[in-house]
Amino acid sequence: MSTRRPGTDDGPAPLLALLPTAPHAGPGAGPVPERADAARNRRRILDAAARIVAEQGPDAVTMNQVAHASGIGVGTVYRRFGDVSQLLWALLDDRERQFQEAYMGGPPPLGPGAPAEERLDAFLDALVDRVAEQRALLLAAHSAAPRTRYHSGAYLLMHTHVAMLVGLIRPGADSALLAHLLLAPFSPDLVHHLTVEQALPAERVKAGVRELLAFRA
């Protein structure tokens, strides 16, 4: 894989070649303190990258495109993120942090304060939206290293959260196993198959997930 430098942006490298080797601090890493202006620039860069991914797919992302879309100099984009692979990982990490904040400390029913049954429904609904929104990036990462998903900090935190809710709903149940089984349908390749290849709307997928919760009856 070639190394990119400012001024030598010759087109996007394939995402599958980028994601496995990109450094990634992981959702459990503490945030690095930064100045307010640096934080604003980071937000603008990530939002611009997210728009490009949503409109054209992750393979279309280049540092020059992101700089133009964000209105920030390409040199600043490179200094902040290094290359496209690190930028894409940062984008995934940013969206994952937002999702974690919502279900760990946001308003109910997704966050604390609602009954466990409502929180589990809200979590699985939100997870459908999360995986569908970031489908292209998650699918590329999953395709490159399928089993890595189950060892990531993001998955382990989700599993712990779901297992906790299941334990509250069904005391004495094998909540750890049930949590894995409840999260299994959210593999990016299955979500891609359902929402893209089968063209199922998100609401139908959510309704199907609720049918899987019959164990609560």
Protein backbone atom coordinates (compact mmCIF):
# COMPACT_ATOMS: atom_id res chain seq x y z
CA MET A 1 0.00 0.00 0.00
CA SER A 2 1.50 3.29 -1.02
CA THR A 3 2.04 6.11 1.47
CA ARG A 4 0.15 9.30 0.71
CA ARG A 5 1.46 12.77 1.36
CA PRO A 6 -0.08 16.23 0.89
CA GLY A 7 -0.10 17.13 -2.74
CA THR A 8 0.10 13.51 -3.94
CA ASP A 9 -3.54 12.52 -3.60
CA ASP A 10 -3.90 10.30 -6.66
CA GLY A 11 -7.26 8.70 -5.89
CA PRO A 12 -8.70 6.46 -3.21
CA ALA A 13 -7.07 3.19 -2.26
CA PRO A 14 -9.50 0.27 -1.94
CA LEU A 15 -11.11 0.34 1.49
CA LEU A 16 -10.58 -3.38 2.05
CA ALA A 17 -6.82 -2.79 1.77
CA LEU A 18 -6.95 0.13 4.16
CA LEU A 19 -9.10 -0.93 7.08
CA PRO A 20 -7.21 -3.96 8.42
CA THR A 21 -3.93 -2.08 8.84
CA ALA A 22 -5.21 1.29 10.00
CA PRO A 23 -4.30 2.18 13.59
CA HIS A 24 -7.35 2.39 15.79
CA ALA A 25 -7.48 3.44 19.41
CA GLY A 26 -10.85 1.75 19.95
CA PRO A 27 -13.98 3.01 21.63
CA GLY A 28 -12.55 2.37 25.09
CA ALA A 29 -9.66 4.81 24.68
CA GLY A 30 -9.91 8.11 26.49
CA PRO A 31 -10.44 11.26 24.44
CA VAL A 32 -7.37 13.39 23.72
CA PRO A 33 -7.80 16.94 25.03
CA GLU A 34 -7.87 19.46 22.20
CA ARG A 35 -8.38 23.16 21.67
CA ALA A 36 -11.84 24.39 20.77
CA ASP A 37 -10.76 25.36 17.24
CA ALA A 38 -9.12 21.97 16.71
CA ALA A 39 -12.29 20.25 17.92
CA ARG A 40 -14.39 22.30 15.48
CA ASN A 41 -12.06 21.42 12.60
CA ARG A 42 -12.16 17.73 13.54
CA ARG A 43 -15.98 17.84 13.60
CA ARG A 44 -16.11 19.53 10.17
CA ILE A 45 -13.68 17.01 8.65
CA LEU A 46 -15.54 14.00 10.03
CA ASP A 47 -18.93 15.37 8.96
CA ALA A 48 -17.58 16.02 5.44
CA ALA A 49 -16.16 12.49 5.25
CA ALA A 50 -19.49 11.08 6.44
CA ARG A 51 -21.34 12.94 3.67
CA ILE A 52 -18.98 11.59 1.02
CA VAL A 53 -19.37 8.04 2.33
CA ALA A 54 -23.17 8.38 2.40
CA GLU A 55 -23.37 9.83 -1.11
CA GLN A 56 -20.59 7.95 -2.95
CA GLY A 57 -19.34 5.13 -0.75
CA PRO A 58 -16.12 4.77 1.26
CA ASP A 59 -13.93 3.99 -1.74
CA ALA A 60 -14.66 7.48 -3.07
CA VAL A 61 -13.08 9.23 -0.09
CA THR A 62 -9.84 11.13 -0.72
CA MET A 63 -8.10 13.64 1.48
CA ASN A 64 -8.49 16.34 -1.17
CA GLN A 65 -12.23 15.70 -1.45
CA VAL A 66 -12.66 15.87 2.31
CA ALA A 67 -10.64 19.09 2.51
CA HIS A 68 -12.78 20.69 -0.20
CA ALA A 69 -16.06 19.49 1.33
CA SER A 70 -15.10 20.66 4.81
CA GLY A 71 -13.58 23.98 3.77
CA ILE A 72 -10.38 23.10 5.63
CA GLY A 73 -6.92 23.07 4.07
CA VAL A 74 -5.73 19.69 2.85
CA GLY A 75 -2.53 20.06 4.86
CA THR A 76 -4.58 20.36 8.04
CA VAL A 77 -6.60 17.27 7.09
CA TYR A 78 -3.40 15.27 6.58
CA ARG A 79 -1.82 16.53 9.80
CA ARG A 80 -4.93 15.64 11.75
CA PHE A 81 -5.65 12.19 10.31
CA GLY A 82 -2.54 11.10 8.43
CA ASP A 83 -4.17 9.28 5.53
CA VAL A 84 -7.50 8.00 4.24
CA SER A 85 -7.37 4.79 6.27
CA GLN A 86 -6.93 6.64 9.56
CA LEU A 87 -9.67 9.09 8.61
CA LEU A 88 -12.12 6.26 7.89
CA TRP A 89 -11.28 4.54 11.17
CA ALA A 90 -11.77 7.86 12.98
CA LEU A 91 -15.16 8.22 11.30
CA LEU A 92 -16.23 4.75 12.44
CA ASP A 93 -14.94 5.44 15.94
CA ASP A 94 -16.73 8.80 16.08
CA ARG A 95 -20.09 7.27 15.12
CA GLU A 96 -19.57 4.41 17.56
CA ARG A 97 -18.84 6.84 20.40
CA GLN A 98 -22.03 8.76 19.62
CA PHE A 99 -24.03 5.52 19.69
CA GLN A 100 -22.44 4.43 22.98
CA GLU A 101 -23.18 7.77 24.59
CA ALA A 102 -26.82 7.46 23.52
CA TYR A 103 -27.46 4.01 24.98
CA MET A 104 -25.24 4.35 28.03
CA GLY A 105 -26.22 7.82 29.19
CA GLY A 106 -28.73 9.39 26.80
CA PRO A 107 -32.44 9.99 27.35
CA PRO A 108 -34.81 7.03 27.76
CA PRO A 109 -35.96 4.70 26.43
CA LEU A 110 -32.57 4.12 24.75
CA GLY A 111 -30.71 5.48 27.76
CA PRO A 112 -31.27 4.85 31.48
CA GLY A 113 -34.65 5.51 33.07
CA ALA A 114 -36.96 3.20 31.12
CA PRO A 115 -37.96 -0.41 31.89
CA ALA A 116 -35.51 -3.02 30.61
CA GLU A 117 -37.98 -4.28 27.98
CA GLU A 118 -38.36 -0.80 26.49
CA ARG A 119 -34.63 -0.17 26.60
CA LEU A 120 -33.90 -3.43 24.77
CA ASP A 121 -36.46 -2.61 22.06
CA ALA A 122 -35.03 0.89 21.70
CA PHE A 123 -31.45 -0.42 21.59
CA LEU A 124 -32.15 -2.96 18.86
CA ASP A 125 -34.10 -0.39 16.83
CA ALA A 126 -31.20 2.05 17.13
CA LEU A 127 -28.75 -0.69 16.18
CA VAL A 128 -30.66 -1.34 12.95
CA ASP A 129 -30.30 2.35 12.09
CA ARG A 130 -26.64 2.45 13.16
CA VAL A 131 -25.55 -0.53 11.06
CA ALA A 132 -27.63 0.57 8.05
CA GLU A 133 -26.21 4.10 8.21
CA GLN A 134 -22.58 2.94 8.44
CA ARG A 135 -23.18 -0.18 6.33
CA ALA A 136 -20.50 0.45 3.72
CA LEU A 137 -17.70 1.07 6.21
CA LEU A 138 -18.77 -1.72 8.57
CA LEU A 139 -19.18 -4.16 5.68
CA ALA A 140 -15.69 -3.41 4.38
CA ALA A 141 -14.15 -3.90 7.81
CA HIS A 142 -16.18 -7.07 8.41
CA SER A 143 -15.27 -8.53 5.01
CA ALA A 144 -11.58 -7.91 5.60
CA ALA A 145 -11.54 -9.50 9.07
CA PRO A 146 -14.89 -11.15 9.91
CA ARG A 147 -14.07 -12.48 13.38
CA THR A 148 -12.50 -9.23 14.56
CA ARG A 149 -16.00 -7.87 15.24
CA TYR A 150 -16.47 -10.15 18.23
CA HIS A 151 -13.26 -9.01 19.91
CA SER A 152 -13.70 -5.29 19.37
CA GLY A 153 -14.39 -2.94 22.25
CA ALA A 154 -17.58 -1.78 20.54
CA TYR A 155 -19.03 -5.29 20.33
CA LEU A 156 -17.98 -6.23 23.86
CA LEU A 157 -19.69 -3.14 25.27
CA MET A 158 -22.87 -3.82 23.28
CA HIS A 159 -22.84 -7.43 24.40
CA THR A 160 -22.46 -6.41 28.05
CA HIS A 161 -25.31 -3.92 27.71
CA VAL A 162 -27.68 -6.40 26.05
CA ALA A 163 -26.78 -9.16 28.50
CA MET A 164 -27.57 -6.79 31.39
CA LEU A 165 -30.99 -5.96 29.94
CA VAL A 166 -31.77 -9.61 29.22
CA GLY A 167 -30.80 -10.50 32.78
CA LEU A 168 -33.25 -7.93 34.10
CA ILE A 169 -36.02 -9.18 31.82
CA ARG A 170 -35.41 -12.89 32.43
CA PRO A 171 -33.58 -13.48 35.72
CA GLY A 172 -31.83 -16.82 35.64
CA ALA A 173 -31.62 -16.97 31.84
CA ASP A 174 -28.30 -17.51 30.05
CA SER A 175 -28.09 -13.80 29.38
CA ALA A 176 -24.55 -13.87 27.95
CA LEU A 177 -25.52 -16.43 25.29
CA LEU A 178 -28.85 -14.74 24.52
CA ALA A 179 -27.04 -11.42 24.08
CA HIS A 180 -24.77 -12.95 21.43
CA LEU A 181 -27.77 -14.46 19.64
CA LEU A 182 -29.68 -11.17 19.73
CA LEU A 183 -26.70 -9.31 18.26
CA ALA A 184 -26.02 -11.93 15.58
CA PRO A 185 -28.55 -10.51 13.04
CA PHE A 186 -26.66 -7.20 13.05
CA SER A 187 -23.68 -8.53 11.15
CA PRO A 188 -23.01 -5.92 8.42
CA ASP A 189 -23.22 -8.50 5.62
CA LEU A 190 -26.72 -9.58 6.67
CA VAL A 191 -27.90 -5.99 7.07
CA HIS A 192 -26.49 -5.22 3.62
CA HIS A 193 -28.30 -8.23 2.16
CA LEU A 194 -31.61 -7.25 3.76
CA THR A 195 -31.58 -3.48 3.20
CA VAL A 196 -29.78 -3.32 -0.16
CA GLU A 197 -30.11 -6.64 -1.98
CA GLN A 198 -33.61 -7.36 -0.62
CA ALA A 199 -34.53 -3.65 -0.42
CA LEU A 200 -36.29 -4.11 2.92
CA PRO A 201 -37.10 -0.86 4.74
CA ALA A 202 -35.58 -0.36 8.17
CA GLU A 203 -39.00 -0.52 9.84
CA ARG A 204 -39.59 -4.03 8.49
CA VAL A 205 -36.20 -5.17 9.77
CA LYS A 206 -37.01 -3.68 13.19
CA ALA A 207 -40.35 -5.48 13.22
CA GLY A 208 -38.58 -8.73 12.43
CA VAL A 209 -36.13 -8.20 15.26
CA ARG A 210 -39.03 -7.74 17.65
CA GLU A 211 -40.39 -11.12 16.57
CA LEU A 212 -37.11 -12.62 17.77
CA LEU A 213 -37.82 -11.29 21.25
CA ALA A 214 -40.58 -13.85 21.83
CA PHE A 215 -38.32 -15.41 24.47
CA ARG A 216 -39.62 -12.69 26.80
CA ALA A 217 -43.18 -14.05 26.72
